[in-house]
């Protein structure tokens, strides 16, 4: 099995419209032998949207992983000292989360999980999903792309005519990105066209 014996953290942030795309990826990782630990941002933990209710998402994550998701800074902090994860995935990763990580702002569950993982020089995989990736978030994404131990899931514009600055990672490439990140390699190409 592809990820047998690997402990993978899977952190979800508040790009609520993209969350349905990552649920099958979590299932794929589990089915490939990974022990997956779900981590949710405060927005994901607390917010009901037209894309789903918070309690239903939590229930689904427990069903997939067999464990309650980490949902507070206090719960996320031990990831570092206990070296709990072989890889941490942040998917979807909002522009807000990317900006905080790029500038060392650790004020929530997911940013704490990333800090805890990076302090040990272990891989963090980011699957960006933001309407402003080619606007104000571009600088943060560039910083992250050159940060040691940070690896980007390939991404592309999702609506170039109507939302020219909007970018979404190709979520089906998360497993391939994770596999390469654990070998300390960035999957290529990162920038994809309208495939």
Protein backbone atom coordinates (compact mmCIF):
# COMPACT_ATOMS: atom_id res chain seq x y z
CA UNK A 1 0.00 0.00 0.00
CA UNK A 2 1.30 3.39 -1.05
CA UNK A 3 1.19 5.12 2.36
CA UNK A 4 1.32 2.14 4.69
CA UNK A 5 2.70 3.15 8.07
CA UNK A 6 2.68 6.87 7.26
CA UNK A 7 1.00 9.37 9.57
CA UNK A 8 -0.53 12.20 7.55
CA UNK A 9 -2.18 15.26 9.03
CA UNK A 10 -4.93 16.68 6.84
CA UNK A 11 -5.86 20.26 7.74
CA UNK A 12 -8.93 21.94 6.27
CA UNK A 13 -9.36 25.72 6.19
CA UNK A 14 -12.30 27.92 5.30
CA UNK A 15 -12.49 27.67 1.54
CA UNK A 16 -15.83 26.01 2.19
CA UNK A 17 -16.72 25.61 -1.49
CA UNK A 18 -13.59 23.49 -2.01
CA UNK A 19 -13.97 21.19 1.00
CA UNK A 20 -16.17 18.68 -0.89
CA UNK A 21 -13.24 18.17 -3.30
CA UNK A 22 -10.84 17.09 -0.53
CA UNK A 23 -13.07 14.56 1.25
CA UNK A 24 -12.41 11.89 -1.44
CA UNK A 25 -8.68 12.59 -1.11
CA UNK A 26 -8.78 11.87 2.62
CA UNK A 27 -10.57 8.61 1.82
CA UNK A 28 -7.92 7.76 -0.79
CA UNK A 29 -5.09 8.36 1.68
CA UNK A 30 -6.77 6.13 4.27
CA UNK A 31 -7.40 3.44 1.67
CA UNK A 32 -3.73 3.66 0.68
CA UNK A 33 -2.66 2.72 4.19
CA UNK A 34 -2.12 6.13 5.80
CA UNK A 35 -3.13 6.93 9.33
CA UNK A 36 -4.84 10.27 8.76
CA UNK A 37 -5.31 12.84 11.50
CA UNK A 38 -7.87 15.49 10.53
CA UNK A 39 -7.26 19.07 11.64
CA UNK A 40 -9.83 21.83 11.18
CA UNK A 41 -9.56 25.59 11.34
CA UNK A 42 -11.86 27.52 13.61
CA UNK A 43 -13.91 28.56 10.58
CA UNK A 44 -14.37 24.98 9.45
CA UNK A 45 -15.09 23.84 13.01
CA UNK A 46 -17.77 26.48 13.69
CA UNK A 47 -19.35 27.63 10.42
CA UNK A 48 -22.38 26.25 8.62
CA UNK A 49 -22.48 27.29 4.96
CA UNK A 50 -24.47 26.50 1.85
CA UNK A 51 -21.78 23.89 1.16
CA UNK A 52 -22.49 21.99 4.38
CA UNK A 53 -22.89 22.04 8.13
CA UNK A 54 -19.90 22.00 10.46
CA UNK A 55 -21.24 19.11 12.55
CA UNK A 56 -21.83 16.98 9.44
CA UNK A 57 -18.29 17.60 8.23
CA UNK A 58 -16.88 16.65 11.65
CA UNK A 59 -18.98 13.47 11.59
CA UNK A 60 -17.64 12.61 8.12
CA UNK A 61 -14.04 13.21 9.20
CA UNK A 62 -14.49 10.92 12.22
CA UNK A 63 -16.05 8.29 9.95
CA UNK A 64 -13.10 8.46 7.52
CA UNK A 65 -10.24 8.65 10.02
CA UNK A 66 -11.64 6.95 13.11
CA UNK A 67 -10.62 9.92 15.27
CA UNK A 68 -11.98 13.28 16.35
CA UNK A 69 -10.36 16.11 14.39
CA UNK A 70 -7.89 18.41 16.09
CA UNK A 71 -9.75 21.71 16.43
CA UNK A 72 -7.80 24.01 18.76
CA UNK A 73 -4.34 25.51 19.14
CA UNK A 74 -3.81 23.54 22.34
CA UNK A 75 -4.59 20.26 20.57
CA UNK A 76 -2.34 21.12 17.60
CA UNK A 77 0.76 22.20 19.56
CA UNK A 78 1.96 18.64 20.46
CA UNK A 79 2.35 17.78 16.75
CA UNK A 80 5.85 19.25 16.96
CA UNK A 81 7.28 17.93 20.22
CA UNK A 82 5.73 14.49 19.73
CA UNK A 83 6.75 14.34 16.04
CA UNK A 84 3.26 13.07 15.30
CA UNK A 85 3.21 13.42 11.51
CA UNK A 86 5.29 12.27 8.56
CA UNK A 87 3.56 14.90 6.43
CA UNK A 88 0.99 17.65 6.97
CA UNK A 89 -1.43 18.59 4.19
CA UNK A 90 -3.33 21.87 4.26
CA UNK A 91 -6.20 21.50 1.80
CA UNK A 92 -7.93 23.66 0.98
CA UNK A 93 -5.50 26.35 2.10
CA UNK A 94 -7.10 29.79 2.00
CA UNK A 95 -5.22 32.92 1.03
CA UNK A 96 -5.62 34.08 4.61
CA UNK A 97 -3.92 30.94 5.95
CA UNK A 98 -1.17 31.16 3.31
CA UNK A 99 -0.49 34.79 4.24
CA UNK A 100 -0.29 33.96 7.92
CA UNK A 101 2.11 31.08 7.32
CA UNK A 102 4.28 33.17 5.00
CA UNK A 103 4.60 35.84 7.67
CA UNK A 104 4.92 33.63 10.75
CA UNK A 105 1.51 34.43 12.23
CA UNK A 106 0.45 31.50 14.38
CA UNK A 107 -3.00 32.34 15.68
CA UNK A 108 -5.15 29.32 14.94
CA UNK A 109 -5.31 25.55 14.87
CA UNK A 110 -3.99 25.05 11.33
CA UNK A 111 -1.19 27.61 11.54
CA UNK A 112 -0.08 26.04 14.84
CA UNK A 113 -0.12 22.58 13.25
CA UNK A 114 2.06 23.87 10.38
CA UNK A 115 4.47 25.60 12.74
CA UNK A 116 4.70 22.45 14.86
CA UNK A 117 5.44 20.35 11.77
CA UNK A 118 7.99 22.76 10.31
CA UNK A 119 9.94 23.07 13.56
CA UNK A 120 11.00 19.47 13.00
CA UNK A 121 11.91 20.02 9.35
CA UNK A 122 9.06 17.81 8.22
CA UNK A 123 7.05 18.37 5.04
CA UNK A 124 3.99 20.59 4.77
CA UNK A 125 1.94 20.25 1.57
CA UNK A 126 -0.22 23.22 0.63
CA UNK A 127 -3.20 23.01 -1.72
CA UNK A 128 -4.07 26.65 -2.33
CA UNK A 129 -7.64 27.80 -2.91
CA UNK A 130 -8.16 31.54 -3.02
CA UNK A 131 -9.88 34.15 -5.17
CA UNK A 132 -6.83 36.41 -4.79
CA UNK A 133 -3.88 34.13 -5.58
CA UNK A 134 -2.78 36.30 -8.48
CA UNK A 135 -3.49 39.50 -6.55
CA UNK A 136 -2.44 40.34 -3.02
CA UNK A 137 -1.93 36.65 -2.10
CA UNK A 138 0.67 36.18 -4.85
CA UNK A 139 3.45 37.42 -2.58
CA UNK A 140 2.54 34.97 0.18
CA UNK A 141 2.38 32.04 -2.24
CA UNK A 142 5.80 33.01 -3.60
CA UNK A 143 7.24 33.11 -0.08
CA UNK A 144 5.79 29.69 0.71
CA UNK A 145 7.07 28.20 -2.55
CA UNK A 146 10.62 29.08 -1.49
CA UNK A 147 10.23 28.03 2.16
CA UNK A 148 12.15 24.88 3.13
CA UNK A 149 9.93 21.84 3.75
CA UNK A 150 6.88 23.48 2.11
CA UNK A 151 5.58 21.85 -1.07
CA UNK A 152 2.75 23.10 -3.28
CA UNK A 153 0.07 20.98 -4.88
CA UNK A 154 -0.07 21.99 -8.56
CA UNK A 155 -2.64 24.68 -9.21
CA UNK A 156 -4.32 26.65 -11.98
CA UNK A 157 -6.75 29.48 -12.52
CA UNK A 158 -10.23 28.11 -11.99
CA UNK A 159 -12.16 30.90 -13.74
CA UNK A 160 -9.77 33.12 -15.72
CA UNK A 161 -12.45 35.26 -17.36
CA UNK A 162 -14.79 35.87 -14.43
CA UNK A 163 -12.25 35.71 -11.57
CA UNK A 164 -8.85 36.42 -13.07
CA UNK A 165 -6.99 36.29 -9.74
CA UNK A 166 -8.61 33.05 -8.54
CA UNK A 167 -6.54 29.87 -8.24
CA UNK A 168 -7.41 26.39 -6.99
CA UNK A 169 -5.06 23.45 -6.49
CA UNK A 170 -5.71 20.24 -8.37
CA UNK A 171 -6.88 18.30 -5.33
CA UNK A 172 -6.58 14.92 -7.05
CA UNK A 173 -2.80 15.52 -7.14
CA UNK A 174 -2.51 15.73 -3.35
CA UNK A 175 -1.43 12.07 -2.94
CA UNK A 176 1.29 12.42 -5.61
CA UNK A 177 2.46 15.68 -4.03
CA UNK A 178 2.57 14.07 -0.58
CA UNK A 179 4.57 11.12 -1.87
CA UNK A 180 7.16 13.40 -3.47
CA UNK A 181 7.22 15.80 -0.49
CA UNK A 182 8.15 12.93 1.80
CA UNK A 183 11.12 12.39 -0.55
CA UNK A 184 11.89 16.14 -0.26
CA UNK A 185 10.93 16.85 -3.86
CA UNK A 186 8.46 19.34 -5.33
CA UNK A 187 6.09 17.79 -7.85
CA UNK A 188 6.33 19.49 -11.23
CA UNK A 189 4.98 21.41 -12.97
CA UNK A 190 3.41 23.48 -10.22
CA UNK A 191 1.61 25.88 -12.56
CA UNK A 192 -0.86 24.04 -14.75
CA UNK A 193 -2.88 25.16 -17.74
CA UNK A 194 -6.55 24.64 -18.41
CA UNK A 195 -6.39 20.87 -18.69
